[in-house]
Amino acid sequence: MKYFRRDFLKKTIFGIFGVSIFGGLMKTINANKNKNKKVKFTYTVGDKHWVGDGFHVHGLLRPSEELNKFISPFILMDYASPEAFPKTETPKGVGSHPHRGFETVTFAYQGEVEHRDSFGGGGVIKPGDVQWMTAGSGLVHDEFHSKEFCAKGGVFEMVQLWVNLPKKDKMSAPKYQGIKDADIPNIKVNDSTQIRVIAGDYAGTKGPTSTFTPINIYDIKSETSEKLSLNLKEGTNTILLILDGEIEMEENNYKKQSVLIFDQLGESIDFKTSPNFKGLLLNGEPIDEPMVAHGPFVMNTKQEINEAINDFHSGKMGTI
């Protein structure tokens, strides 16, 4: 049985995600107490589904009772793997819809996305840019391929991530961060590896993103095969998405579009990249609070979900 993002938008987390969504694709690996964080779960999702008519995605991360402890503060991740779109006069994407209680993050690799929301946030993100939207107390937004991209057509590749907010910040004011490629530090590691620090800190270099809880997000690219060691705090959750190439870790090989979810124990991850490797690493302190989700809302209680639905229908989240 498969669960796509469209299913997630119709259900509560603990309604449909009480069992593993990955079936035979998931492999649990025993953790140990070495200094290295060990792979706890790994899987691939080959199938794609449409979000609107502009985002053809692999649903790579979904919550479940089995996974939540190891993926928080991250909730959902979709990957629109490289796909060619013909030029068009009608922008493709997702029309206006609400959010409350979390943040949406879009990483642009190829193509362009134009965003606008009911609190005045918005802009166009291009390759290398990041869009970080805090829904907070609630807003309405839409996302479409940019007018320029539609006019020319081309290859489109994006990752979208949902990041949870702690209870004390769920009703904070909505905010939009349009982060340009030029503003993201790019650090050379070893001979041919580049690490872009999108959020958090790497070896004393801080990323430009403002976050509510401690989060590190790195874009990693290696032109040649190299050994990497990344220091990460004990007790944090770590997820690695392999966008291109492959890695060797713990005497196992993990290929393109693999997701690796690590144990909280340990303070580093060590792996060897293939040539032309590209990966997205997520790391953050878990939010140890109840989480209830329904459609585009992520709160702490069912009552808060009902309040969000009522506030949206009464217009309190605005319109665009």
C-alpha atoms as a PDB file:
ATOM      1  CA  MET A   1       0.000   0.000   0.000  1.00  0.00           C
ATOM      2  CA  LYS A   2       1.336   3.454  -0.910  1.00  0.00           C
ATOM      3  CA  TYR A   3       0.601   6.792   0.729  1.00  0.00           C
ATOM      4  CA  PHE A   4       1.176   9.898  -1.328  1.00  0.00           C
ATOM      5  CA  ARG A   5       1.176  13.550  -0.336  1.00  0.00           C
ATOM      6  CA  ARG A   6      -2.402  13.881  -1.493  1.00  0.00           C
ATOM      7  CA  ASP A   7      -3.366  11.207   1.060  1.00  0.00           C
ATOM      8  CA  PHE A   8      -1.446  13.001   3.784  1.00  0.00           C
ATOM      9  CA  LEU A   9      -3.402  16.171   3.066  1.00  0.00           C
ATOM     10  CA  LYS A  10      -6.643  14.330   3.770  1.00  0.00           C
ATOM     11  CA  LYS A  11      -5.719  12.416   6.913  1.00  0.00           C
ATOM     12  CA  THR A  12      -4.409  12.833  10.419  1.00  0.00           C
ATOM     13  CA  ILE A  13      -0.935  11.511  11.058  1.00  0.00           C
ATOM     14  CA  PHE A  14      -1.971   8.877  13.528  1.00  0.00           C
ATOM     15  CA  GLY A  15      -4.972   7.900  11.440  1.00  0.00           C
ATOM     16  CA  ILE A  16      -3.117   6.430   8.477  1.00  0.00           C
ATOM     17  CA  PHE A  17       0.473   6.362   9.607  1.00  0.00           C
ATOM     18  CA  GLY A  18       0.219   3.927  12.495  1.00  0.00           C
ATOM     19  CA  VAL A  19       2.226   1.408  10.475  1.00  0.00           C
ATOM     20  CA  SER A  20       5.307   1.757   8.329  1.00  0.00           C
ATOM     21  CA  ILE A  21       4.455   3.325   4.967  1.00  0.00           C
ATOM     22  CA  PHE A  22       7.428   1.837   3.231  1.00  0.00           C
ATOM     23  CA  GLY A  23       6.662  -1.869   3.573  1.00  0.00           C
ATOM     24  CA  GLY A  24       9.403  -4.037   2.192  1.00  0.00           C
ATOM     25  CA  LEU A  25      11.467  -1.051   1.092  1.00  0.00           C
ATOM     26  CA  MET A  26      12.410  -0.171   4.634  1.00  0.00           C
ATOM     27  CA  LYS A  27      15.257  -1.856   6.403  1.00  0.00           C
ATOM     28  CA  THR A  28      15.897  -1.372  10.114  1.00  0.00           C
ATOM     29  CA  ILE A  29      19.523  -1.521  11.101  1.00  0.00           C
ATOM     30  CA  ASN A  30      20.577  -2.103  14.691  1.00  0.00           C
ATOM     31  CA  ALA A  31      22.223   0.893  16.325  1.00  0.00           C
ATOM     32  CA  ASN A  32      25.295   0.726  18.488  1.00  0.00           C
ATOM     33  CA  LYS A  33      27.010   3.128  20.841  1.00  0.00           C
ATOM     34  CA  ASN A  34      30.022   4.039  18.718  1.00  0.00           C
ATOM     35  CA  LYS A  35      30.839   7.692  18.052  1.00  0.00           C
ATOM     36  CA  ASN A  36      29.272   7.429  14.608  1.00  0.00           C
ATOM     37  CA  LYS A  37      25.570   7.803  14.035  1.00  0.00           C
ATOM     38  CA  LYS A  38      24.343   4.579  12.461  1.00  0.00           C
ATOM     39  CA  VAL A  39      21.712   4.181   9.779  1.00  0.00           C
ATOM     40  CA  LYS A  40      18.430   3.289  11.483  1.00  0.00           C
ATOM     41  CA  PHE A  41      16.147   3.135   8.428  1.00  0.00           C
ATOM     42  CA  THR A  42      16.785   3.274   4.707  1.00  0.00           C
ATOM     43  CA  TYR A  43      14.416   3.117   1.741  1.00  0.00           C
ATOM     44  CA  THR A  44      13.730   4.380  -1.761  1.00  0.00           C
ATOM     45  CA  VAL A  45      10.440   5.497  -3.297  1.00  0.00           C
ATOM     46  CA  GLY A  46      10.379   4.949  -7.041  1.00  0.00           C
ATOM     47  CA  ASP A  47       6.785   5.976  -7.716  1.00  0.00           C
ATOM     48  CA  LYS A  48       5.875   9.594  -8.423  1.00  0.00           C
ATOM     49  CA  HIS A  49       2.593  11.460  -8.003  1.00  0.00           C
ATOM     50  CA  TRP A  50       1.369  14.932  -8.900  1.00  0.00           C
ATOM     51  CA  VAL A  51       1.000  17.792  -6.442  1.00  0.00           C
ATOM     52  CA  GLY A  52      -1.117  20.201  -8.423  1.00  0.00           C
ATOM     53  CA  ASP A  53      -0.036  20.103 -12.065  1.00  0.00           C
ATOM     54  CA  GLY A  54       3.474  21.464 -11.607  1.00  0.00           C
ATOM     55  CA  PHE A  55       5.175  19.222  -9.065  1.00  0.00           C
ATOM     56  CA  HIS A  56       5.688  15.572 -10.039  1.00  0.00           C
ATOM     57  CA  VAL A  57       7.207  14.158  -6.872  1.00  0.00           C
ATOM     58  CA  HIS A  58       8.545  11.155  -5.029  1.00  0.00           C
ATOM     59  CA  GLY A  59       6.993  11.145  -1.531  1.00  0.00           C
ATOM     60  CA  LEU A  60      10.212  10.512   0.366  1.00  0.00           C
ATOM     61  CA  LEU A  61       9.347  11.355   3.960  1.00  0.00           C
ATOM     62  CA  ARG A  62       6.078  10.816   5.788  1.00  0.00           C
ATOM     63  CA  PRO A  63       5.466  10.569   9.533  1.00  0.00           C
ATOM     64  CA  SER A  64       4.604   7.348  11.323  1.00  0.00           C
ATOM     65  CA  GLU A  65       4.681   6.174  14.908  1.00  0.00           C
ATOM     66  CA  GLU A  66       7.759   4.175  13.956  1.00  0.00           C
ATOM     67  CA  LEU A  67       9.615   7.112  12.402  1.00  0.00           C
ATOM     68  CA  ASN A  68       8.531  10.238  14.279  1.00  0.00           C
ATOM     69  CA  LYS A  69      11.146   9.894  17.027  1.00  0.00           C
ATOM     70  CA  PHE A  70      13.899   9.808  14.401  1.00  0.00           C
ATOM     71  CA  ILE A  71      12.702  12.470  11.928  1.00  0.00           C
ATOM     72  CA  SER A  72      11.415  15.314  14.150  1.00  0.00           C
ATOM     73  CA  PRO A  73      11.454  18.309  13.655  1.00  0.00           C
ATOM     74  CA  PHE A  74      11.009  17.304   9.996  1.00  0.00           C
ATOM     75  CA  ILE A  75       7.544  16.135   8.950  1.00  0.00           C
ATOM     76  CA  LEU A  76       7.286  15.603   5.199  1.00  0.00           C
ATOM     77  CA  MET A  77       9.664  15.677   2.230  1.00  0.00           C
ATOM     78  CA  ASP A  78       8.868  15.490  -1.487  1.00  0.00           C
ATOM     79  CA  TYR A  79      11.409  15.328  -4.299  1.00  0.00           C
ATOM     80  CA  ALA A  80      10.533  16.519  -7.790  1.00  0.00           C
ATOM     81  CA  SER A  81      13.298  14.649  -9.614  1.00  0.00           C
ATOM     82  CA  PRO A  82      14.560  16.182 -12.890  1.00  0.00           C
ATOM     83  CA  GLU A  83      11.763  16.346 -15.455  1.00  0.00           C
ATOM     84  CA  ALA A  84      11.396  18.370 -18.642  1.00  0.00           C
ATOM     85  CA  PHE A  85       8.395  20.696 -18.970  1.00  0.00           C
ATOM     86  CA  PRO A  86       7.456  22.189 -22.346  1.00  0.00           C
ATOM     87  CA  LYS A  87       6.885  25.920 -22.630  1.00  0.00           C
ATOM     88  CA  THR A  88       3.342  26.999 -21.842  1.00  0.00           C
ATOM     89  CA  GLU A  89       1.208  30.105 -21.487  1.00  0.00           C
ATOM     90  CA  THR A  90      -0.580  28.626 -18.469  1.00  0.00           C
ATOM     91  CA  PRO A  91       1.582  28.458 -15.314  1.00  0.00           C
ATOM     92  CA  LYS A  92       1.705  25.048 -13.667  1.00  0.00           C
ATOM     93  CA  GLY A  93       1.751  24.562  -9.911  1.00  0.00           C
ATOM     94  CA  VAL A  94      -0.516  24.531  -6.873  1.00  0.00           C
ATOM     95  CA  GLY A  95      -3.330  27.032  -6.341  1.00  0.00           C
ATOM     96  CA  SER A  96      -4.149  28.859  -3.116  1.00  0.00           C
ATOM     97  CA  HIS A  97      -4.326  26.729   0.032  1.00  0.00           C
ATOM     98  CA  PRO A  98      -3.794  27.324   3.770  1.00  0.00           C
ATOM     99  CA  HIS A  99      -1.181  26.238   6.318  1.00  0.00           C
ATOM    100  CA  ARG A 100      -0.806  26.625  10.082  1.00  0.00           C
ATOM    101  CA  GLY A 101       1.623  25.408  12.732  1.00  0.00           C
ATOM    102  CA  PHE A 102       4.772  24.633  10.734  1.00  0.00           C
ATOM    103  CA  GLU A 103       7.134  25.827   7.993  1.00  0.00           C
ATOM    104  CA  THR A 104       7.472  24.888   4.321  1.00  0.00           C
ATOM    105  CA  VAL A 105      10.883  24.957   2.678  1.00  0.00           C
ATOM    106  CA  THR A 106      11.596  24.681  -1.052  1.00  0.00           C
ATOM    107  CA  PHE A 107      15.088  23.966  -2.391  1.00  0.00           C
ATOM    108  CA  ALA A 108      15.488  24.874  -6.079  1.00  0.00           C
ATOM    109  CA  TYR A 109      17.975  22.831  -8.131  1.00  0.00           C
ATOM    110  CA  GLN A 110      16.648  23.377 -11.655  1.00  0.00           C
ATOM    111  CA  GLY A 111      13.775  25.551 -12.842  1.00  0.00           C
ATOM    112  CA  GLU A 112      12.020  28.393 -11.044  1.00  0.00           C
ATOM    113  CA  VAL A 113       9.113  28.721  -8.600  1.00  0.00           C
ATOM    114  CA  GLU A 114       7.067  31.820  -7.880  1.00  0.00           C
ATOM    115  CA  HIS A 115       5.424  32.137  -4.454  1.00  0.00           C
ATOM    116  CA  ARG A 116       2.935  34.567  -2.964  1.00  0.00           C
ATOM    117  CA  ASP A 117       1.016  34.516   0.301  1.00  0.00           C
ATOM    118  CA  SER A 118      -1.725  36.369   2.152  1.00  0.00           C
ATOM    119  CA  PHE A 119       0.762  38.172   4.434  1.00  0.00           C
ATOM    120  CA  GLY A 120       2.661  39.824   1.599  1.00  0.00           C
ATOM    121  CA  GLY A 121       5.471  37.298   1.347  1.00  0.00           C
ATOM    122  CA  GLY A 122       6.648  36.071  -1.987  1.00  0.00           C
ATOM    123  CA  GLY A 123       9.118  36.093  -4.797  1.00  0.00           C
ATOM    124  CA  VAL A 124      10.791  33.888  -7.377  1.00  0.00           C
ATOM    125  CA  ILE A 125      13.390  31.300  -6.451  1.00  0.00           C
ATOM    126  CA  LYS A 126      15.900  30.161  -9.075  1.00  0.00           C
ATOM    127  CA  PRO A 127      18.506  27.369  -9.117  1.00  0.00           C
ATOM    128  CA  GLY A 128      20.467  27.422  -5.869  1.00  0.00           C
ATOM    129  CA  ASP A 129      17.875  29.534  -4.052  1.00  0.00           C
ATOM    130  CA  VAL A 130      15.768  28.482  -1.058  1.00  0.00           C
ATOM    131  CA  GLN A 131      12.275  29.587  -0.044  1.00  0.00           C
ATOM    132  CA  TRP A 132      11.561  29.283   3.697  1.00  0.00           C
ATOM    133  CA  MET A 133       7.976  30.114   4.644  1.00  0.00           C
ATOM    134  CA  THR A 134       6.806  30.172   8.249  1.00  0.00           C
ATOM    135  CA  ALA A 135       3.060  29.523   8.235  1.00  0.00           C
ATOM    136  CA  GLY A 136       2.862  30.083  11.999  1.00  0.00           C
ATOM    137  CA  SER A 137      -0.598  31.294  13.003  1.00  0.00           C
ATOM    138  CA  GLY A 138      -1.872  30.698   9.491  1.00  0.00           C
ATOM    139  CA  LEU A 139      -1.805  32.005   5.951  1.00  0.00           C
ATOM    140  CA  VAL A 140      -2.893  31.186   2.422  1.00  0.00           C
ATOM    141  CA  HIS A 141      -0.346  30.821  -0.374  1.00  0.00           C
ATOM    142  CA  ASP A 142       0.172  29.481  -3.878  1.00  0.00           C
ATOM    143  CA  GLU A 143       3.189  28.186  -5.795  1.00  0.00           C
ATOM    144  CA  PHE A 144       3.611  28.080  -9.575  1.00  0.00           C
ATOM    145  CA  HIS A 145       6.409  27.721 -12.084  1.00  0.00           C
ATOM    146  CA  SER A 146       7.636  31.251 -12.746  1.00  0.00           C
ATOM    147  CA  LYS A 147       6.416  33.155 -15.801  1.00  0.00           C
ATOM    148  CA  GLU A 148       9.935  33.157 -17.250  1.00  0.00           C
ATOM    149  CA  PHE A 149      10.317  29.391 -16.819  1.00  0.00           C
ATOM    150  CA  CYS A 150       6.894  28.758 -18.367  1.00  0.00           C
ATOM    151  CA  ALA A 151       7.768  30.906 -21.371  1.00  0.00           C
ATOM    152  CA  LYS A 152      10.926  28.922 -22.112  1.00  0.00           C
ATOM    153  CA  GLY A 153      10.227  25.506 -20.605  1.00  0.00           C
ATOM    154  CA  GLY A 154      13.068  23.366 -19.333  1.00  0.00           C
ATOM    155  CA  VAL A 155      14.131  20.853 -16.704  1.00  0.00           C
ATOM    156  CA  PHE A 156      12.547  21.211 -13.268  1.00  0.00           C
ATOM    157  CA  GLU A 157      14.051  19.793 -10.034  1.00  0.00           C
ATOM    158  CA  MET A 158      13.034  20.762  -6.509  1.00  0.00           C
ATOM    159  CA  VAL A 159      12.809  19.413  -2.948  1.00  0.00           C
ATOM    160  CA  GLN A 160      10.053  20.538  -0.590  1.00  0.00           C
ATOM    161  CA  LEU A 161      10.314  19.991   3.151  1.00  0.00           C
ATOM    162  CA  TRP A 162       7.882  20.552   6.017  1.00  0.00           C
ATOM    163  CA  VAL A 163       9.463  21.591   9.333  1.00  0.00           C
ATOM    164  CA  ASN A 164       7.487  21.416  12.567  1.00  0.00           C
ATOM    165  CA  LEU A 165       7.258  24.294  15.041  1.00  0.00           C
ATOM    166  CA  PRO A 166       7.221  23.844  18.836  1.00  0.00           C
ATOM    167  CA  LYS A 167       3.963  24.590  20.621  1.00  0.00           C
ATOM    168  CA  LYS A 168       5.163  27.974  21.862  1.00  0.00           C
ATOM    169  CA  ASP A 169       5.814  29.124  18.275  1.00  0.00           C
ATOM    170  CA  LYS A 170       2.925  27.575  16.364  1.00  0.00           C
ATOM    171  CA  MET A 171       0.903  30.798  16.512  1.00  0.00           C
ATOM    172  CA  SER A 172       3.810  33.098  15.695  1.00  0.00           C
ATOM    173  CA  ALA A 173       3.409  35.667  12.927  1.00  0.00           C
ATOM    174  CA  PRO A 174       3.829  34.304   9.377  1.00  0.00           C
ATOM    175  CA  LYS A 175       7.170  35.062   7.771  1.00  0.00           C
ATOM    176  CA  TYR A 176       8.831  34.606   4.384  1.00  0.00           C
ATOM    177  CA  GLN A 177      12.564  34.153   3.785  1.00  0.00           C
ATOM    178  CA  GLY A 178      13.694  34.240   0.172  1.00  0.00           C
ATOM    179  CA  ILE A 179      17.303  33.049   0.381  1.00  0.00           C
ATOM    180  CA  LYS A 180      19.470  33.612  -2.690  1.00  0.00           C
ATOM    181  CA  ASP A 181      22.202  31.235  -3.804  1.00  0.00           C
ATOM    182  CA  ALA A 182      24.786  34.018  -3.467  1.00  0.00           C
ATOM    183  CA  ASP A 183      23.921  34.430   0.229  1.00  0.00           C
ATOM    184  CA  ILE A 184      24.495  30.766   1.109  1.00  0.00           C
ATOM    185  CA  PRO A 185      28.079  30.031   2.264  1.00  0.00           C
ATOM    186  CA  ASN A 186      29.836  27.445   0.121  1.00  0.00           C
ATOM    187  CA  ILE A 187      32.695  25.659   1.910  1.00  0.00           C
ATOM    188  CA  LYS A 188      35.321  23.547   0.204  1.00  0.00           C
ATOM    189  CA  VAL A 189      36.016  20.265   1.980  1.00  0.00           C
ATOM    190  CA  ASN A 190      38.831  17.950   0.910  1.00  0.00           C
ATOM    191  CA  ASP A 191      39.785  18.201  -2.773  1.00  0.00           C
ATOM    192  CA  SER A 192      36.482  18.289  -4.628  1.00  0.00           C
ATOM    193  CA  THR A 193      33.613  18.495  -2.137  1.00  0.00           C
ATOM    194  CA  GLN A 194      31.521  21.623  -1.600  1.00  0.00           C
ATOM    195  CA  ILE A 195      29.124  22.033   1.341  1.00  0.00           C
ATOM    196  CA  ARG A 196      26.522  24.796   1.168  1.00  0.00           C
ATOM    197  CA  VAL A 197      25.380  25.799   4.652  1.00  0.00           C
ATOM    198  CA  ILE A 198      21.694  26.597   4.141  1.00  0.00           C
ATOM    199  CA  ALA A 199      20.788  26.596   7.840  1.00  0.00           C
ATOM    200  CA  GLY A 200      22.643  26.161  11.102  1.00  0.00           C
ATOM    201  CA  ASP A 201      26.399  25.843  11.327  1.00  0.00           C
ATOM    202  CA  TYR A 202      29.193  23.899   9.672  1.00  0.00           C
ATOM    203  CA  ALA A 203      32.709  24.141  11.146  1.00  0.00           C
ATOM    204  CA  GLY A 204      31.986  27.630  12.460  1.00  0.00           C
ATOM    205  CA  THR A 205      30.341  28.927   9.280  1.00  0.00           C
ATOM    206  CA  LYS A 206      26.704  29.873   9.784  1.00  0.00           C
ATOM    207  CA  GLY A 207      23.928  29.662   7.224  1.00  0.00           C
ATOM    208  CA  PRO A 208      21.628  32.623   6.446  1.00  0.00           C
ATOM    209  CA  THR A 209      18.342  31.003   7.508  1.00  0.00           C
ATOM    210  CA  SER A 210      16.521  31.976  10.702  1.00  0.00           C
ATOM    211  CA  THR A 211      15.018  28.908  12.440  1.00  0.00           C
ATOM    212  CA  PHE A 212      12.909  28.427  15.565  1.00  0.00           C
ATOM    213  CA  THR A 213      14.752  25.327  16.781  1.00  0.00           C
ATOM    214  CA  PRO A 214      18.372  24.217  16.202  1.00  0.00           C
ATOM    215  CA  ILE A 215      18.565  22.922  12.611  1.00  0.00           C
ATOM    216  CA  ASN A 216      21.457  22.220  10.235  1.00  0.00           C
ATOM    217  CA  ILE A 217      20.803  21.822   6.510  1.00  0.00           C
ATOM    218  CA  TYR A 218      23.644  21.174   4.070  1.00  0.00           C
ATOM    219  CA  ASP A 219      23.780  20.774   0.296  1.00  0.00           C
ATOM    220  CA  ILE A 220      26.721  18.467  -0.446  1.00  0.00           C
ATOM    221  CA  LYS A 221      28.401  17.988  -3.837  1.00  0.00           C
ATOM    222  CA  SER A 222      31.495  15.909  -4.635  1.00  0.00           C
ATOM    223  CA  GLU A 223      33.061  15.927  -8.088  1.00  0.00           C
ATOM    224  CA  THR A 224      35.272  12.915  -7.321  1.00  0.00           C
ATOM    225  CA  SER A 225      35.073  10.017  -4.882  1.00  0.00           C
ATOM    226  CA  GLU A 226      35.979  11.287  -1.404  1.00  0.00           C
ATOM    227  CA  LYS A 227      35.666  10.317   2.244  1.00  0.00           C
ATOM    228  CA  LEU A 228      33.600  12.715   4.336  1.00  0.00           C
ATOM    229  CA  SER A 229      33.059  13.000   8.082  1.00  0.00           C
ATOM    230  CA  LEU A 230      30.334  15.347   9.327  1.00  0.00           C
ATOM    231  CA  ASN A 231      30.145  16.240  13.014  1.00  0.00           C
ATOM    232  CA  LEU A 232      26.596  16.366  14.363  1.00  0.00           C
ATOM    233  CA  LYS A 233      25.330  16.732  17.915  1.00  0.00           C
ATOM    234  CA  GLU A 234      24.428  13.626  19.903  1.00  0.00           C
ATOM    235  CA  GLY A 235      20.669  13.306  20.420  1.00  0.00           C
ATOM    236  CA  THR A 236      19.786  15.082  17.185  1.00  0.00           C
ATOM    237  CA  ASN A 237      17.963  13.565  14.232  1.00  0.00           C
ATOM    238  CA  THR A 238      19.680  13.267  10.862  1.00  0.00           C
ATOM    239  CA  ILE A 239      18.329  12.468   7.389  1.00  0.00           C
ATOM    240  CA  LEU A 240      20.339  12.182   4.180  1.00  0.00           C
ATOM    241  CA  LEU A 241      18.715  12.281   0.730  1.00  0.00           C
ATOM    242  CA  ILE A 242      20.942  11.119  -2.116  1.00  0.00           C
ATOM    243  CA  LEU A 243      19.987  13.248  -5.115  1.00  0.00           C
ATOM    244  CA  ASP A 244      22.652  11.923  -7.474  1.00  0.00           C
ATOM    245  CA  GLY A 245      25.467   9.413  -7.389  1.00  0.00           C
ATOM    246  CA  GLU A 246      25.857   7.067  -4.435  1.00  0.00           C
ATOM    247  CA  ILE A 247      27.680   6.614  -1.148  1.00  0.00           C
ATOM    248  CA  GLU A 248      29.414   3.816   0.710  1.00  0.00           C
ATOM    249  CA  MET A 249      28.735   3.652   4.444  1.00  0.00           C
ATOM    250  CA  GLU A 250      29.000   0.878   7.020  1.00  0.00           C
ATOM    251  CA  GLU A 251      30.029  -1.543   4.247  1.00  0.00           C
ATOM    252  CA  ASN A 252      26.761  -0.816   2.411  1.00  0.00           C
ATOM    253  CA  ASN A 253      26.160   1.072  -0.828  1.00  0.00           C
ATOM    254  CA  TYR A 254      23.265   3.518  -1.054  1.00  0.00           C
ATOM    255  CA  LYS A 255      22.193   4.730  -4.468  1.00  0.00           C
ATOM    256  CA  LYS A 256      20.438   7.709  -6.023  1.00  0.00           C
ATOM    257  CA  GLN A 257      17.100   8.693  -4.406  1.00  0.00           C
ATOM    258  CA  SER A 258      17.844   6.685  -1.266  1.00  0.00           C
ATOM    259  CA  VAL A 259      16.754   8.187   2.037  1.00  0.00           C
ATOM    260  CA  LEU A 260      18.875   7.386   5.092  1.00  0.00           C
ATOM    261  CA  ILE A 261      17.504   8.063   8.581  1.00  0.00           C
ATOM    262  CA  PHE A 262      20.066   7.851  11.369  1.00  0.00           C
ATOM    263  CA  ASP A 263      19.985   6.898  15.031  1.00  0.00           C
ATOM    264  CA  GLN A 264      20.240   9.720  17.565  1.00  0.00           C
ATOM    265  CA  LEU A 265      23.269   8.099  19.202  1.00  0.00           C
ATOM    266  CA  GLY A 266      26.670   9.229  18.014  1.00  0.00           C
ATOM    267  CA  GLU A 267      28.267  12.516  17.033  1.00  0.00           C
ATOM    268  CA  SER A 268      29.243  12.111  13.380  1.00  0.00           C
ATOM    269  CA  ILE A 269      28.432  10.372  10.121  1.00  0.00           C
ATOM    270  CA  ASP A 270      31.214   9.030   7.915  1.00  0.00           C
ATOM    271  CA  PHE A 271      30.796   7.969   4.294  1.00  0.00           C
ATOM    272  CA  LYS A 272      32.550   7.776   0.948  1.00  0.00           C
ATOM    273  CA  THR A 273      30.976   9.494  -2.035  1.00  0.00           C
ATOM    274  CA  SER A 274      30.968   8.417  -5.652  1.00  0.00           C
ATOM    275  CA  PRO A 275      32.059  10.857  -8.351  1.00  0.00           C
ATOM    276  CA  ASN A 276      29.355  13.426  -9.162  1.00  0.00           C
ATOM    277  CA  PHE A 277      27.614  12.923  -5.826  1.00  0.00           C
ATOM    278  CA  LYS A 278      24.856  15.308  -4.752  1.00  0.00           C
ATOM    279  CA  GLY A 279      23.040  15.061  -1.424  1.00  0.00           C
ATOM    280  CA  LEU A 280      20.822  17.027   0.963  1.00  0.00           C
ATOM    281  CA  LEU A 281      21.490  16.547   4.672  1.00  0.00           C
ATOM    282  CA  LEU A 282      18.914  17.496   7.333  1.00  0.00           C
ATOM    283  CA  ASN A 283      19.792  17.596  11.033  1.00  0.00           C
ATOM    284  CA  GLY A 284      17.874  18.999  13.967  1.00  0.00           C
ATOM    285  CA  GLU A 285      16.937  18.741  17.607  1.00  0.00           C
ATOM    286  CA  PRO A 286      13.705  16.733  17.958  1.00  0.00           C
ATOM    287  CA  ILE A 287      10.559  18.422  19.237  1.00  0.00           C
ATOM    288  CA  ASP A 288       9.312  16.187  22.037  1.00  0.00           C
ATOM    289  CA  GLU A 289       5.638  17.192  21.950  1.00  0.00           C
ATOM    290  CA  PRO A 290       2.390  15.628  20.755  1.00  0.00           C
ATOM    291  CA  MET A 291       1.750  16.220  17.051  1.00  0.00           C
ATOM    292  CA  VAL A 292      -1.615  16.079  15.303  1.00  0.00           C
ATOM    293  CA  ALA A 293      -1.909  16.841  11.606  1.00  0.00           C
ATOM    294  CA  HIS A 294      -4.895  17.184   9.353  1.00  0.00           C
ATOM    295  CA  GLY A 295      -4.444  18.255   5.762  1.00  0.00           C
ATOM    296  CA  PRO A 296      -2.365  21.448   5.668  1.00  0.00           C
ATOM    297  CA  PHE A 297      -2.399  22.000   9.445  1.00  0.00           C
ATOM    298  CA  VAL A 298       0.070  20.612  12.006  1.00  0.00           C
ATOM    299  CA  MET A 299      -0.805  21.318  15.641  1.00  0.00           C
ATOM    300  CA  ASN A 300      -0.583  19.674  19.072  1.00  0.00           C
ATOM    301  CA  THR A 301      -4.240  18.727  19.654  1.00  0.00           C
ATOM    302  CA  LYS A 302      -7.345  17.862  17.654  1.00  0.00           C
ATOM    303  CA  GLN A 303      -9.076  20.901  19.131  1.00  0.00           C
ATOM    304  CA  GLU A 304      -6.374  23.134  17.656  1.00  0.00           C
ATOM    305  CA  ILE A 305      -6.880  21.458  14.283  1.00  0.00           C
ATOM    306  CA  ASN A 306     -10.616  22.233  14.442  1.00  0.00           C
ATOM    307  CA  GLU A 307      -9.804  25.833  15.349  1.00  0.00           C
ATOM    308  CA  ALA A 308      -7.462  26.082  12.356  1.00  0.00           C
ATOM    309  CA  ILE A 309     -10.147  24.781   9.996  1.00  0.00           C
ATOM    310  CA  ASN A 310     -12.698  27.250  11.382  1.00  0.00           C
ATOM    311  CA  ASP A 311     -10.239  30.155  11.199  1.00  0.00           C
ATOM    312  CA  PHE A 312      -9.446  29.365   7.568  1.00  0.00           C
ATOM    313  CA  HIS A 313     -13.107  29.177   6.551  1.00  0.00           C
ATOM    314  CA  SER A 314     -13.876  32.415   8.402  1.00  0.00           C
ATOM    315  CA  GLY A 315     -11.143  34.233   6.496  1.00  0.00           C
ATOM    316  CA  LYS A 316      -8.765  34.805   9.417  1.00  0.00           C
ATOM    317  CA  MET A 317      -5.809  33.464   7.403  1.00  0.00           C
ATOM    318  CA  GLY A 318      -6.398  35.974   4.631  1.00  0.00           C
ATOM    319  CA  THR A 319      -6.791  35.568   0.884  1.00  0.00           C
ATOM    320  CA  ILE A 320      -4.690  36.058  -2.225  1.00  0.00           C
END
